[in-house]
């Protein structure tokens, strides 16, 4: 199991819609995440800056990377693109964080 964390950026005026979309996360998206080894996935909002901090655990990095290519993931990115900073392929602009400490 590997822990991943990263920062993303939601547009301030789109925070409520972003939250709503995640409250109603599509069942097929949840299933795809699980099938690609994701668990313990959380996203936190820093209200003052609209920065998002995401944390998840994955079983296998190669398997997790394959999630990007799934049709459901591409559809999700397309739905999220109007709400947050994205790259040309609609993937979220994200800054990976390096783990420097962990306590079990």
C-alpha atoms as a PDB file:
ATOM      1  CA  UNK A   1       0.000   0.000   0.000  1.00  0.00           C
ATOM      2  CA  UNK A   2       1.278   3.455  -0.939  1.00  0.00           C
ATOM      3  CA  UNK A   3      -0.035   6.784   0.346  1.00  0.00           C
ATOM      4  CA  UNK A   4      -0.487   9.656  -2.119  1.00  0.00           C
ATOM      5  CA  UNK A   5      -1.287  13.301  -1.420  1.00  0.00           C
ATOM      6  CA  UNK A   6      -1.672  16.263  -3.723  1.00  0.00           C
ATOM      7  CA  UNK A   7      -3.027  19.789  -4.000  1.00  0.00           C
ATOM      8  CA  UNK A   8      -5.639  20.871  -6.573  1.00  0.00           C
ATOM      9  CA  UNK A   9      -7.415  24.172  -7.146  1.00  0.00           C
ATOM     10  CA  UNK A  10     -11.188  24.731  -7.320  1.00  0.00           C
ATOM     11  CA  UNK A  11     -12.520  28.071  -8.560  1.00  0.00           C
ATOM     12  CA  UNK A  12     -13.832  30.025  -5.537  1.00  0.00           C
ATOM     13  CA  UNK A  13     -17.227  30.629  -7.139  1.00  0.00           C
ATOM     14  CA  UNK A  14     -17.524  26.901  -7.938  1.00  0.00           C
ATOM     15  CA  UNK A  15     -16.799  25.440  -4.492  1.00  0.00           C
ATOM     16  CA  UNK A  16     -20.431  24.627  -3.699  1.00  0.00           C
ATOM     17  CA  UNK A  17     -20.915  22.881  -7.056  1.00  0.00           C
ATOM     18  CA  UNK A  18     -17.663  20.948  -6.554  1.00  0.00           C
ATOM     19  CA  UNK A  19     -18.872  19.758  -3.159  1.00  0.00           C
ATOM     20  CA  UNK A  20     -22.285  18.840  -4.580  1.00  0.00           C
ATOM     21  CA  UNK A  21     -20.718  16.784  -7.368  1.00  0.00           C
ATOM     22  CA  UNK A  22     -18.627  14.835  -4.869  1.00  0.00           C
ATOM     23  CA  UNK A  23     -21.605  14.318  -2.555  1.00  0.00           C
ATOM     24  CA  UNK A  24     -23.307  12.702  -5.559  1.00  0.00           C
ATOM     25  CA  UNK A  25     -20.255  10.871  -6.917  1.00  0.00           C
ATOM     26  CA  UNK A  26     -21.356   8.509  -9.669  1.00  0.00           C
ATOM     27  CA  UNK A  27     -21.506   4.857  -8.537  1.00  0.00           C
ATOM     28  CA  UNK A  28     -19.526   3.794 -11.611  1.00  0.00           C
ATOM     29  CA  UNK A  29     -16.774   6.274 -10.683  1.00  0.00           C
ATOM     30  CA  UNK A  30     -16.603   4.892  -7.144  1.00  0.00           C
ATOM     31  CA  UNK A  31     -16.360   1.371  -8.553  1.00  0.00           C
ATOM     32  CA  UNK A  32     -13.622   2.332 -11.016  1.00  0.00           C
ATOM     33  CA  UNK A  33     -11.590   3.935  -8.232  1.00  0.00           C
ATOM     34  CA  UNK A  34     -11.857   0.766  -6.155  1.00  0.00           C
ATOM     35  CA  UNK A  35     -11.044  -1.448  -9.157  1.00  0.00           C
ATOM     36  CA  UNK A  36      -7.874   0.556  -9.682  1.00  0.00           C
ATOM     37  CA  UNK A  37      -6.754   0.019  -6.105  1.00  0.00           C
ATOM     38  CA  UNK A  38      -7.801   3.285  -4.467  1.00  0.00           C
ATOM     39  CA  UNK A  39      -8.977   3.321  -0.875  1.00  0.00           C
ATOM     40  CA  UNK A  40      -9.194   5.733   2.032  1.00  0.00           C
ATOM     41  CA  UNK A  41      -9.644   8.621  -0.433  1.00  0.00           C
ATOM     42  CA  UNK A  42     -10.355  12.030   1.083  1.00  0.00           C
ATOM     43  CA  UNK A  43     -10.421  15.570  -0.282  1.00  0.00           C
ATOM     44  CA  UNK A  44     -10.231  18.579   2.041  1.00  0.00           C
ATOM     45  CA  UNK A  45     -10.954  22.233   1.224  1.00  0.00           C
ATOM     46  CA  UNK A  46      -8.998  25.231   2.466  1.00  0.00           C
ATOM     47  CA  UNK A  47     -11.814  27.789   2.187  1.00  0.00           C
ATOM     48  CA  UNK A  48      -9.651  30.915   2.246  1.00  0.00           C
ATOM     49  CA  UNK A  49      -7.676  29.891  -0.866  1.00  0.00           C
ATOM     50  CA  UNK A  50      -9.982  27.328  -2.533  1.00  0.00           C
ATOM     51  CA  UNK A  51      -7.110  24.858  -2.480  1.00  0.00           C
ATOM     52  CA  UNK A  52      -7.992  21.208  -2.248  1.00  0.00           C
ATOM     53  CA  UNK A  53      -5.836  18.701  -0.397  1.00  0.00           C
ATOM     54  CA  UNK A  54      -6.384  15.123  -1.545  1.00  0.00           C
ATOM     55  CA  UNK A  55      -5.171  11.964   0.162  1.00  0.00           C
ATOM     56  CA  UNK A  56      -5.586   8.364  -0.907  1.00  0.00           C
ATOM     57  CA  UNK A  57      -4.022   4.981  -0.547  1.00  0.00           C
ATOM     58  CA  UNK A  58      -3.311   2.789  -3.548  1.00  0.00           C
ATOM     59  CA  UNK A  59      -2.380  -0.859  -3.896  1.00  0.00           C
ATOM     60  CA  UNK A  60      -0.178  -0.521  -6.955  1.00  0.00           C
ATOM     61  CA  UNK A  61       1.112   2.592  -8.725  1.00  0.00           C
ATOM     62  CA  UNK A  62       0.912   1.109 -12.239  1.00  0.00           C
ATOM     63  CA  UNK A  63      -2.671  -0.032 -11.677  1.00  0.00           C
ATOM     64  CA  UNK A  64      -3.576   3.392 -10.290  1.00  0.00           C
ATOM     65  CA  UNK A  65      -2.057   5.178 -13.315  1.00  0.00           C
ATOM     66  CA  UNK A  66      -4.344   3.145 -15.593  1.00  0.00           C
ATOM     67  CA  UNK A  67      -7.345   4.892 -13.989  1.00  0.00           C
ATOM     68  CA  UNK A  68      -6.527   8.016 -16.038  1.00  0.00           C
ATOM     69  CA  UNK A  69      -7.313   6.195 -19.266  1.00  0.00           C
ATOM     70  CA  UNK A  70     -10.714   4.821 -18.305  1.00  0.00           C
ATOM     71  CA  UNK A  71     -13.787   6.269 -20.061  1.00  0.00           C
ATOM     72  CA  UNK A  72     -15.487   7.005 -16.723  1.00  0.00           C
ATOM     73  CA  UNK A  73     -12.473   8.950 -15.469  1.00  0.00           C
ATOM     74  CA  UNK A  74     -12.291  10.986 -18.678  1.00  0.00           C
ATOM     75  CA  UNK A  75     -16.034  11.704 -18.342  1.00  0.00           C
ATOM     76  CA  UNK A  76     -15.493  12.809 -14.710  1.00  0.00           C
ATOM     77  CA  UNK A  77     -12.622  15.098 -15.684  1.00  0.00           C
ATOM     78  CA  UNK A  78     -14.832  16.648 -18.359  1.00  0.00           C
ATOM     79  CA  UNK A  79     -17.575  17.270 -15.780  1.00  0.00           C
ATOM     80  CA  UNK A  80     -15.098  18.811 -13.316  1.00  0.00           C
ATOM     81  CA  UNK A  81     -13.267  21.004 -15.855  1.00  0.00           C
ATOM     82  CA  UNK A  82     -15.627  24.008 -15.470  1.00  0.00           C
ATOM     83  CA  UNK A  83     -15.169  23.877 -11.685  1.00  0.00           C
ATOM     84  CA  UNK A  84     -11.408  23.766 -11.279  1.00  0.00           C
ATOM     85  CA  UNK A  85      -8.031  24.440 -12.808  1.00  0.00           C
ATOM     86  CA  UNK A  86      -7.319  21.764 -15.407  1.00  0.00           C
ATOM     87  CA  UNK A  87      -4.745  20.733 -17.969  1.00  0.00           C
ATOM     88  CA  UNK A  88      -5.472  20.529 -21.702  1.00  0.00           C
ATOM     89  CA  UNK A  89      -6.753  16.934 -21.312  1.00  0.00           C
ATOM     90  CA  UNK A  90      -9.182  18.096 -18.565  1.00  0.00           C
ATOM     91  CA  UNK A  91      -7.125  16.387 -15.853  1.00  0.00           C
ATOM     92  CA  UNK A  92      -6.935  18.517 -12.710  1.00  0.00           C
ATOM     93  CA  UNK A  93      -3.884  20.681 -12.275  1.00  0.00           C
ATOM     94  CA  UNK A  94      -2.320  19.021  -9.260  1.00  0.00           C
ATOM     95  CA  UNK A  95       0.830  19.321  -7.220  1.00  0.00           C
ATOM     96  CA  UNK A  96       2.028  16.034  -5.752  1.00  0.00           C
ATOM     97  CA  UNK A  97       3.235  16.177  -2.168  1.00  0.00           C
ATOM     98  CA  UNK A  98       6.159  14.203  -0.810  1.00  0.00           C
ATOM     99  CA  UNK A  99       5.502  12.198   2.326  1.00  0.00           C
ATOM    100  CA  UNK A 100       8.011  13.093   5.004  1.00  0.00           C
ATOM    101  CA  UNK A 101       6.412  11.562   8.102  1.00  0.00           C
ATOM    102  CA  UNK A 102       3.927   8.836   8.918  1.00  0.00           C
ATOM    103  CA  UNK A 103       2.772   7.351  12.220  1.00  0.00           C
ATOM    104  CA  UNK A 104       0.767   4.121  12.301  1.00  0.00           C
END
